[in-house]
Amino acid sequence: MIRLFILDVPEFRQVIEKAAQSAQRSGPAGDYVEFDSDEAITVDRRAAGVRRAVWYSAIAALSGGKVAQYDGDALRIEPA
């Protein structure tokens, strides 16, 4: 199972919202939002409406998955 964590701060709110649409489950985990999924989690940067500096600093932690794509267009995490 993929477990992705993003710091729950206003700068990352749009990324959090888009990740929640792709993950099977999401919820608070201390100062973070945790996203769990048995399938790939995909977030489009432009759909999230964030600049690259915010985009590339959004991921706090990841387990149970591998980053298949993380560029200026999208983040795609697949099961390991």
PDB file of N, CA and C in Angstrom:
ATOM      1  N   MET A   1       0.836  -1.180   0.000  1.00  0.00           N
ATOM      2  CA  MET A   1       0.000   0.000   0.000  1.00  0.00           C
ATOM      3  C   MET A   1       0.886   1.251   0.000  1.00  0.00           C
ATOM      4  N   ILE A   2       0.525   2.196  -0.823  1.00  0.00           N
ATOM      5  CA  ILE A   2       1.221   3.482  -0.880  1.00  0.00           C
ATOM      6  C   ILE A   2       0.769   4.336   0.300  1.00  0.00           C
ATOM      7  N   ARG A   3       1.727   4.970   0.956  1.00  0.00           N
ATOM      8  CA  ARG A   3       1.431   5.951   2.011  1.00  0.00           C
ATOM      9  C   ARG A   3       2.239   7.200   1.683  1.00  0.00           C
ATOM     10  N   LEU A   4       1.536   8.281   1.388  1.00  0.00           N
ATOM     11  CA  LEU A   4       2.139   9.559   1.030  1.00  0.00           C
ATOM     12  C   LEU A   4       1.751  10.585   2.082  1.00  0.00           C
ATOM     13  N   PHE A   5       2.714  11.406   2.504  1.00  0.00           N
ATOM     14  CA  PHE A   5       2.454  12.445   3.498  1.00  0.00           C
ATOM     15  C   PHE A   5       2.832  13.806   2.926  1.00  0.00           C
ATOM     16  N   ILE A   6       1.934  14.774   3.116  1.00  0.00           N
ATOM     17  CA  ILE A   6       2.168  16.163   2.710  1.00  0.00           C
ATOM     18  C   ILE A   6       1.880  17.042   3.921  1.00  0.00           C
ATOM     19  N   LEU A   7       2.788  17.977   4.200  1.00  0.00           N
ATOM     20  CA  LEU A   7       2.615  18.889   5.318  1.00  0.00           C
ATOM     21  C   LEU A   7       1.329  19.686   5.132  1.00  0.00           C
ATOM     22  N   ASP A   8       0.521  19.757   6.172  1.00  0.00           N
ATOM     23  CA  ASP A   8      -0.779  20.425   6.102  1.00  0.00           C
ATOM     24  C   ASP A   8      -0.616  21.917   6.400  1.00  0.00           C
ATOM     25  N   VAL A   9      -0.200  22.651   5.371  1.00  0.00           N
ATOM     26  CA  VAL A   9      -0.047  24.109   5.453  1.00  0.00           C
ATOM     27  C   VAL A   9      -0.750  24.725   4.252  1.00  0.00           C
ATOM     28  N   PRO A  10      -1.144  25.999   4.352  1.00  0.00           N
ATOM     29  CA  PRO A  10      -1.886  26.636   3.254  1.00  0.00           C
ATOM     30  C   PRO A  10      -1.179  26.572   1.893  1.00  0.00           C
ATOM     31  N   GLU A  11       0.133  26.636   1.870  1.00  0.00           N
ATOM     32  CA  GLU A  11       0.867  26.614   0.595  1.00  0.00           C
ATOM     33  C   GLU A  11       0.622  25.323  -0.187  1.00  0.00           C
ATOM     34  N   PHE A  12       0.364  24.230   0.514  1.00  0.00           N
ATOM     35  CA  PHE A  12       0.183  22.937  -0.142  1.00  0.00           C
ATOM     36  C   PHE A  12      -1.289  22.532  -0.276  1.00  0.00           C
ATOM     37  N   ARG A  13      -2.218  23.392   0.102  1.00  0.00           N
ATOM     38  CA  ARG A  13      -3.641  23.044   0.122  1.00  0.00           C
ATOM     39  C   ARG A  13      -4.124  22.521  -1.224  1.00  0.00           C
ATOM     40  N   GLN A  14      -3.748  23.168  -2.324  1.00  0.00           N
ATOM     41  CA  GLN A  14      -4.237  22.742  -3.644  1.00  0.00           C
ATOM     42  C   GLN A  14      -3.650  21.384  -4.038  1.00  0.00           C
ATOM     43  N   VAL A  15      -2.409  21.124  -3.669  1.00  0.00           N
ATOM     44  CA  VAL A  15      -1.804  19.814  -3.938  1.00  0.00           C
ATOM     45  C   VAL A  15      -2.517  18.752  -3.106  1.00  0.00           C
ATOM     46  N   ILE A  16      -2.802  19.063  -1.853  1.00  0.00           N
ATOM     47  CA  ILE A  16      -3.515  18.135  -0.965  1.00  0.00           C
ATOM     48  C   ILE A  16      -4.885  17.793  -1.542  1.00  0.00           C
ATOM     49  N   GLU A  17      -5.607  18.778  -2.026  1.00  0.00           N
ATOM     50  CA  GLU A  17      -6.937  18.538  -2.591  1.00  0.00           C
ATOM     51  C   GLU A  17      -6.878  17.625  -3.813  1.00  0.00           C
ATOM     52  N   LYS A  18      -5.911  17.844  -4.682  1.00  0.00           N
ATOM     53  CA  LYS A  18      -5.786  17.005  -5.880  1.00  0.00           C
ATOM     54  C   LYS A  18      -5.317  15.597  -5.529  1.00  0.00           C
ATOM     55  N   ALA A  19      -4.409  15.473  -4.568  1.00  0.00           N
ATOM     56  CA  ALA A  19      -3.956  14.141  -4.151  1.00  0.00           C
ATOM     57  C   ALA A  19      -5.108  13.360  -3.534  1.00  0.00           C
ATOM     58  N   ALA A  20      -5.967  14.034  -2.787  1.00  0.00           N
ATOM     59  CA  ALA A  20      -7.114  13.371  -2.164  1.00  0.00           C
ATOM     60  C   ALA A  20      -8.068  12.809  -3.218  1.00  0.00           C
ATOM     61  N   GLN A  21      -8.143  13.450  -4.364  1.00  0.00           N
ATOM     62  CA  GLN A  21      -9.005  12.959  -5.440  1.00  0.00           C
ATOM     63  C   GLN A  21      -8.463  11.681  -6.066  1.00  0.00           C
ATOM     64  N   SER A  22      -7.143  11.480  -5.978  1.00  0.00           N
ATOM     65  CA  SER A  22      -6.516  10.321  -6.598  1.00  0.00           C
ATOM     66  C   SER A  22      -6.325   9.156  -5.633  1.00  0.00           C
ATOM     67  N   ALA A  23      -6.138   9.442  -4.367  1.00  0.00           N
ATOM     68  CA  ALA A  23      -5.911   8.391  -3.368  1.00  0.00           C
ATOM     69  C   ALA A  23      -7.230   7.737  -2.972  1.00  0.00           C
ATOM     70  N   GLN A  24      -7.147   6.539  -2.443  1.00  0.00           N
ATOM     71  CA  GLN A  24      -8.352   5.843  -1.988  1.00  0.00           C
ATOM     72  C   GLN A  24      -8.820   6.372  -0.640  1.00  0.00           C
ATOM     73  N   ARG A  25      -7.858   6.759   0.214  1.00  0.00           N
ATOM     74  CA  ARG A  25      -8.180   7.298   1.526  1.00  0.00           C
ATOM     75  C   ARG A  25      -7.234   8.434   1.854  1.00  0.00           C
ATOM     76  N   SER A  26      -7.725   9.410   2.613  1.00  0.00           N
ATOM     77  CA  SER A  26      -6.858  10.490   3.083  1.00  0.00           C
ATOM     78  C   SER A  26      -7.391  10.987   4.413  1.00  0.00           C
ATOM     79  N   GLY A  27      -6.477  11.539   5.206  1.00  0.00           N
ATOM     80  CA  GLY A  27      -6.894  12.068   6.488  1.00  0.00           C
ATOM     81  C   GLY A  27      -5.730  12.662   7.241  1.00  0.00           C
ATOM     82  N   PRO A  28      -6.025  13.359   8.325  1.00  0.00           N
ATOM     83  CA  PRO A  28      -4.978  14.016   9.098  1.00  0.00           C
ATOM     84  C   PRO A  28      -4.070  12.994   9.785  1.00  0.00           C
ATOM     85  N   ALA A  29      -2.796  13.363   9.892  1.00  0.00           N
ATOM     86  CA  ALA A  29      -1.796  12.551  10.603  1.00  0.00           C
ATOM     87  C   ALA A  29      -0.836  13.528  11.276  1.00  0.00           C
ATOM     88  N   GLY A  30      -1.244  14.046  12.415  1.00  0.00           N
ATOM     89  CA  GLY A  30      -0.434  15.073  13.083  1.00  0.00           C
ATOM     90  C   GLY A  30      -0.450  16.351  12.267  1.00  0.00           C
ATOM     91  N   ASP A  31       0.719  16.853  11.928  1.00  0.00           N
ATOM     92  CA  ASP A  31       0.841  18.074  11.127  1.00  0.00           C
ATOM     93  C   ASP A  31       0.777  17.807   9.630  1.00  0.00           C
ATOM     94  N   TYR A  32       0.482  16.577   9.247  1.00  0.00           N
ATOM     95  CA  TYR A  32       0.495  16.156   7.850  1.00  0.00           C
ATOM     96  C   TYR A  32      -0.878  15.648   7.438  1.00  0.00           C
ATOM     97  N   VAL A  33      -1.048  15.492   6.133  1.00  0.00           N
ATOM     98  CA  VAL A  33      -2.193  14.778   5.586  1.00  0.00           C
ATOM     99  C   VAL A  33      -1.627  13.492   5.000  1.00  0.00           C
ATOM    100  N   GLU A  34      -2.222  12.360   5.362  1.00  0.00           N
ATOM    101  CA  GLU A  34      -1.775  11.057   4.877  1.00  0.00           C
ATOM    102  C   GLU A  34      -2.713  10.585   3.777  1.00  0.00           C
ATOM    103  N   PHE A  35      -2.128  10.093   2.702  1.00  0.00           N
ATOM    104  CA  PHE A  35      -2.877   9.542   1.575  1.00  0.00           C
ATOM    105  C   PHE A  35      -2.499   8.085   1.442  1.00  0.00           C
ATOM    106  N   ASP A  36      -3.482   7.199   1.408  1.00  0.00           N
ATOM    107  CA  ASP A  36      -3.257   5.767   1.273  1.00  0.00           C
ATOM    108  C   ASP A  36      -3.946   5.281   0.013  1.00  0.00           C
ATOM    109  N   SER A  37      -3.274   4.360  -0.680  1.00  0.00           N
ATOM    110  CA  SER A  37      -3.878   3.814  -1.881  1.00  0.00           C
ATOM    111  C   SER A  37      -3.200   2.508  -2.271  1.00  0.00           C
ATOM    112  N   ASP A  38      -3.980   1.569  -2.768  1.00  0.00           N
ATOM    113  CA  ASP A  38      -3.437   0.331  -3.332  1.00  0.00           C
ATOM    114  C   ASP A  38      -3.102   0.525  -4.803  1.00  0.00           C
ATOM    115  N   GLU A  39      -3.573   1.605  -5.372  1.00  0.00           N
ATOM    116  CA  GLU A  39      -3.341   1.920  -6.781  1.00  0.00           C
ATOM    117  C   GLU A  39      -2.511   3.194  -6.872  1.00  0.00           C
ATOM    118  N   ALA A  40      -2.078   3.525  -8.063  1.00  0.00           N
ATOM    119  CA  ALA A  40      -1.238   4.709  -8.271  1.00  0.00           C
ATOM    120  C   ALA A  40      -1.938   5.985  -7.809  1.00  0.00           C
ATOM    121  N   ILE A  41      -1.149   6.906  -7.295  1.00  0.00           N
ATOM    122  CA  ILE A  41      -1.623   8.245  -6.939  1.00  0.00           C
ATOM    123  C   ILE A  41      -1.010   9.192  -7.957  1.00  0.00           C
ATOM    124  N   THR A  42      -1.851   9.969  -8.625  1.00  0.00           N
ATOM    125  CA  THR A  42      -1.381  10.895  -9.649  1.00  0.00           C
ATOM    126  C   THR A  42      -1.936  12.285  -9.382  1.00  0.00           C
ATOM    127  N   VAL A  43      -1.050  13.287  -9.463  1.00  0.00           N
ATOM    128  CA  VAL A  43      -1.463  14.677  -9.275  1.00  0.00           C
ATOM    129  C   VAL A  43      -0.869  15.501 -10.412  1.00  0.00           C
ATOM    130  N   ASP A  44      -1.698  16.249 -11.092  1.00  0.00           N
ATOM    131  CA  ASP A  44      -1.258  17.138 -12.159  1.00  0.00           C
ATOM    132  C   ASP A  44      -0.923  18.505 -11.560  1.00  0.00           C
ATOM    133  N   ARG A  45       0.285  18.998 -11.796  1.00  0.00           N
ATOM    134  CA  ARG A  45       0.714  20.261 -11.204  1.00  0.00           C
ATOM    135  C   ARG A  45      -0.138  21.426 -11.682  1.00  0.00           C
ATOM    136  N   ARG A  46      -0.424  21.483 -12.952  1.00  0.00           N
ATOM    137  CA  ARG A  46      -1.205  22.613 -13.474  1.00  0.00           C
ATOM    138  C   ARG A  46      -2.635  22.596 -12.934  1.00  0.00           C
ATOM    139  N   ALA A  47      -3.201  21.408 -12.803  1.00  0.00           N
ATOM    140  CA  ALA A  47      -4.548  21.293 -12.228  1.00  0.00           C
ATOM    141  C   ALA A  47      -4.550  21.750 -10.774  1.00  0.00           C
ATOM    142  N   ALA A  48      -3.435  21.512 -10.078  1.00  0.00           N
ATOM    143  CA  ALA A  48      -3.325  21.965  -8.686  1.00  0.00           C
ATOM    144  C   ALA A  48      -3.076  23.468  -8.617  1.00  0.00           C
ATOM    145  N   GLY A  49      -2.612  24.050  -9.709  1.00  0.00           N
ATOM    146  CA  GLY A  49      -2.422  25.494  -9.770  1.00  0.00           C
ATOM    147  C   GLY A  49      -1.299  26.032  -8.902  1.00  0.00           C
ATOM    148  N   VAL A  50      -0.228  25.248  -8.762  1.00  0.00           N
ATOM    149  CA  VAL A  50       0.892  25.703  -7.936  1.00  0.00           C
ATOM    150  C   VAL A  50       2.145  25.931  -8.775  1.00  0.00           C
ATOM    151  N   ARG A  51       2.976  26.834  -8.288  1.00  0.00           N
ATOM    152  CA  ARG A  51       4.257  27.096  -8.951  1.00  0.00           C
ATOM    153  C   ARG A  51       5.230  25.965  -8.632  1.00  0.00           C
ATOM    154  N   ARG A  52       6.266  25.885  -9.430  1.00  0.00           N
ATOM    155  CA  ARG A  52       7.227  24.786  -9.290  1.00  0.00           C
ATOM    156  C   ARG A  52       7.918  24.748  -7.937  1.00  0.00           C
ATOM    157  N   ALA A  53       8.229  25.881  -7.346  1.00  0.00           N
ATOM    158  CA  ALA A  53       8.905  25.889  -6.041  1.00  0.00           C
ATOM    159  C   ALA A  53       8.047  25.205  -4.978  1.00  0.00           C
ATOM    160  N   VAL A  54       6.757  25.464  -4.995  1.00  0.00           N
ATOM    161  CA  VAL A  54       5.839  24.801  -4.061  1.00  0.00           C
ATOM    162  C   VAL A  54       5.707  23.332  -4.442  1.00  0.00           C
ATOM    163  N   TRP A  55       5.557  23.074  -5.708  1.00  0.00           N
ATOM    164  CA  TRP A  55       5.366  21.723  -6.214  1.00  0.00           C
ATOM    165  C   TRP A  55       6.483  20.782  -5.771  1.00  0.00           C
ATOM    166  N   TYR A  56       7.720  21.196  -5.980  1.00  0.00           N
ATOM    167  CA  TYR A  56       8.845  20.320  -5.695  1.00  0.00           C
ATOM    168  C   TYR A  56       9.152  20.194  -4.209  1.00  0.00           C
ATOM    169  N   SER A  57       8.482  20.936  -3.367  1.00  0.00           N
ATOM    170  CA  SER A  57       8.709  20.812  -1.930  1.00  0.00           C
ATOM    171  C   SER A  57       7.511  20.200  -1.199  1.00  0.00           C
ATOM    172  N   ALA A  58       6.524  19.715  -1.929  1.00  0.00           N
ATOM    173  CA  ALA A  58       5.287  19.250  -1.311  1.00  0.00           C
ATOM    174  C   ALA A  58       5.401  17.889  -0.615  1.00  0.00           C
ATOM    175  N   ILE A  59       6.183  16.966  -1.131  1.00  0.00           N
ATOM    176  CA  ILE A  59       6.243  15.624  -0.550  1.00  0.00           C
ATOM    177  C   ILE A  59       7.074  15.640   0.721  1.00  0.00           C
ATOM    178  N   ALA A  60       6.472  15.175   1.820  1.00  0.00           N
ATOM    179  CA  ALA A  60       7.191  15.090   3.096  1.00  0.00           C
ATOM    180  C   ALA A  60       7.733  13.680   3.314  1.00  0.00           C
ATOM    181  N   ALA A  61       6.961  12.656   2.971  1.00  0.00           N
ATOM    182  CA  ALA A  61       7.392  11.273   3.170  1.00  0.00           C
ATOM    183  C   ALA A  61       6.591  10.347   2.265  1.00  0.00           C
ATOM    184  N   LEU A  62       7.178   9.204   1.971  1.00  0.00           N
ATOM    185  CA  LEU A  62       6.548   8.216   1.103  1.00  0.00           C
ATOM    186  C   LEU A  62       7.000   6.830   1.545  1.00  0.00           C
ATOM    187  N   SER A  63       6.063   5.894   1.620  1.00  0.00           N
ATOM    188  CA  SER A  63       6.426   4.495   1.848  1.00  0.00           C
ATOM    189  C   SER A  63       5.497   3.611   1.034  1.00  0.00           C
ATOM    190  N   GLY A  64       5.976   2.428   0.709  1.00  0.00           N
ATOM    191  CA  GLY A  64       5.163   1.457  -0.011  1.00  0.00           C
ATOM    192  C   GLY A  64       4.918   1.800  -1.464  1.00  0.00           C
ATOM    193  N   GLY A  65       5.636   2.760  -1.981  1.00  0.00           N
ATOM    194  CA  GLY A  65       5.457   3.151  -3.373  1.00  0.00           C
ATOM    195  C   GLY A  65       6.763   3.629  -3.964  1.00  0.00           C
ATOM    196  N   LYS A  66       6.756   3.815  -5.264  1.00  0.00           N
ATOM    197  CA  LYS A  66       7.930   4.347  -5.952  1.00  0.00           C
ATOM    198  C   LYS A  66       7.487   5.499  -6.838  1.00  0.00           C
ATOM    199  N   VAL A  67       8.330   6.485  -6.935  1.00  0.00           N
ATOM    200  CA  VAL A  67       8.024   7.656  -7.752  1.00  0.00           C
ATOM    201  C   VAL A  67       8.286   7.290  -9.211  1.00  0.00           C
ATOM    202  N   ALA A  68       7.236   7.229  -9.996  1.00  0.00           N
ATOM    203  CA  ALA A  68       7.353   6.913 -11.416  1.00  0.00           C
ATOM    204  C   ALA A  68       7.524   8.182 -12.250  1.00  0.00           C
ATOM    205  N   GLN A  69       6.980   9.298 -11.752  1.00  0.00           N
ATOM    206  CA  GLN A  69       7.101  10.585 -12.437  1.00  0.00           C
ATOM    207  C   GLN A  69       7.014  11.691 -11.397  1.00  0.00           C
ATOM    208  N   TYR A  70       7.934  12.608 -11.470  1.00  0.00           N
ATOM    209  CA  TYR A  70       7.876  13.806 -10.615  1.00  0.00           C
ATOM    210  C   TYR A  70       8.637  14.893 -11.347  1.00  0.00           C
ATOM    211  N   ASP A  71       7.917  15.567 -12.223  1.00  0.00           N
ATOM    212  CA  ASP A  71       8.514  16.624 -13.021  1.00  0.00           C
ATOM    213  C   ASP A  71       7.591  17.836 -12.983  1.00  0.00           C
ATOM    214  N   GLY A  72       7.811  18.787 -13.844  1.00  0.00           N
ATOM    215  CA  GLY A  72       7.025  20.002 -13.855  1.00  0.00           C
ATOM    216  C   GLY A  72       5.574  19.803 -14.258  1.00  0.00           C
ATOM    217  N   ASP A  73       5.232  18.616 -14.729  1.00  0.00           N
ATOM    218  CA  ASP A  73       3.869  18.342 -15.176  1.00  0.00           C
ATOM    219  C   ASP A  73       3.042  17.550 -14.168  1.00  0.00           C
ATOM    220  N   ALA A  74       3.634  16.524 -13.582  1.00  0.00           N
ATOM    221  CA  ALA A  74       2.840  15.626 -12.739  1.00  0.00           C
ATOM    222  C   ALA A  74       3.694  14.878 -11.719  1.00  0.00           C
ATOM    223  N   LEU A  75       2.994  14.411 -10.702  1.00  0.00           N
ATOM    224  CA  LEU A  75       3.536  13.475  -9.724  1.00  0.00           C
ATOM    225  C   LEU A  75       2.756  12.186  -9.885  1.00  0.00           C
ATOM    226  N   ARG A  76       3.467  11.086 -10.064  1.00  0.00           N
ATOM    227  CA  ARG A  76       2.818   9.773 -10.166  1.00  0.00           C
ATOM    228  C   ARG A  76       3.597   8.811  -9.287  1.00  0.00           C
ATOM    229  N   ILE A  77       2.893   8.263  -8.298  1.00  0.00           N
ATOM    230  CA  ILE A  77       3.484   7.291  -7.395  1.00  0.00           C
ATOM    231  C   ILE A  77       2.775   5.964  -7.618  1.00  0.00           C
ATOM    232  N   GLU A  78       3.559   4.929  -7.889  1.00  0.00           N
ATOM    233  CA  GLU A  78       3.017   3.606  -8.155  1.00  0.00           C
ATOM    234  C   GLU A  78       3.353   2.676  -7.000  1.00  0.00           C
ATOM    235  N   PRO A  79       2.561   1.628  -6.799  1.00  0.00           N
ATOM    236  CA  PRO A  79       2.879   0.663  -5.749  1.00  0.00           C
ATOM    237  C   PRO A  79       4.263   0.064  -5.985  1.00  0.00           C
ATOM    238  N   ALA A  80       4.983  -0.188  -4.897  1.00  0.00           N
ATOM    239  CA  ALA A  80       6.338  -0.761  -5.015  1.00  0.00           C
ATOM    240  C   ALA A  80       6.269  -2.228  -5.379  1.00  0.00           C
TER     241      ALA A  80
END
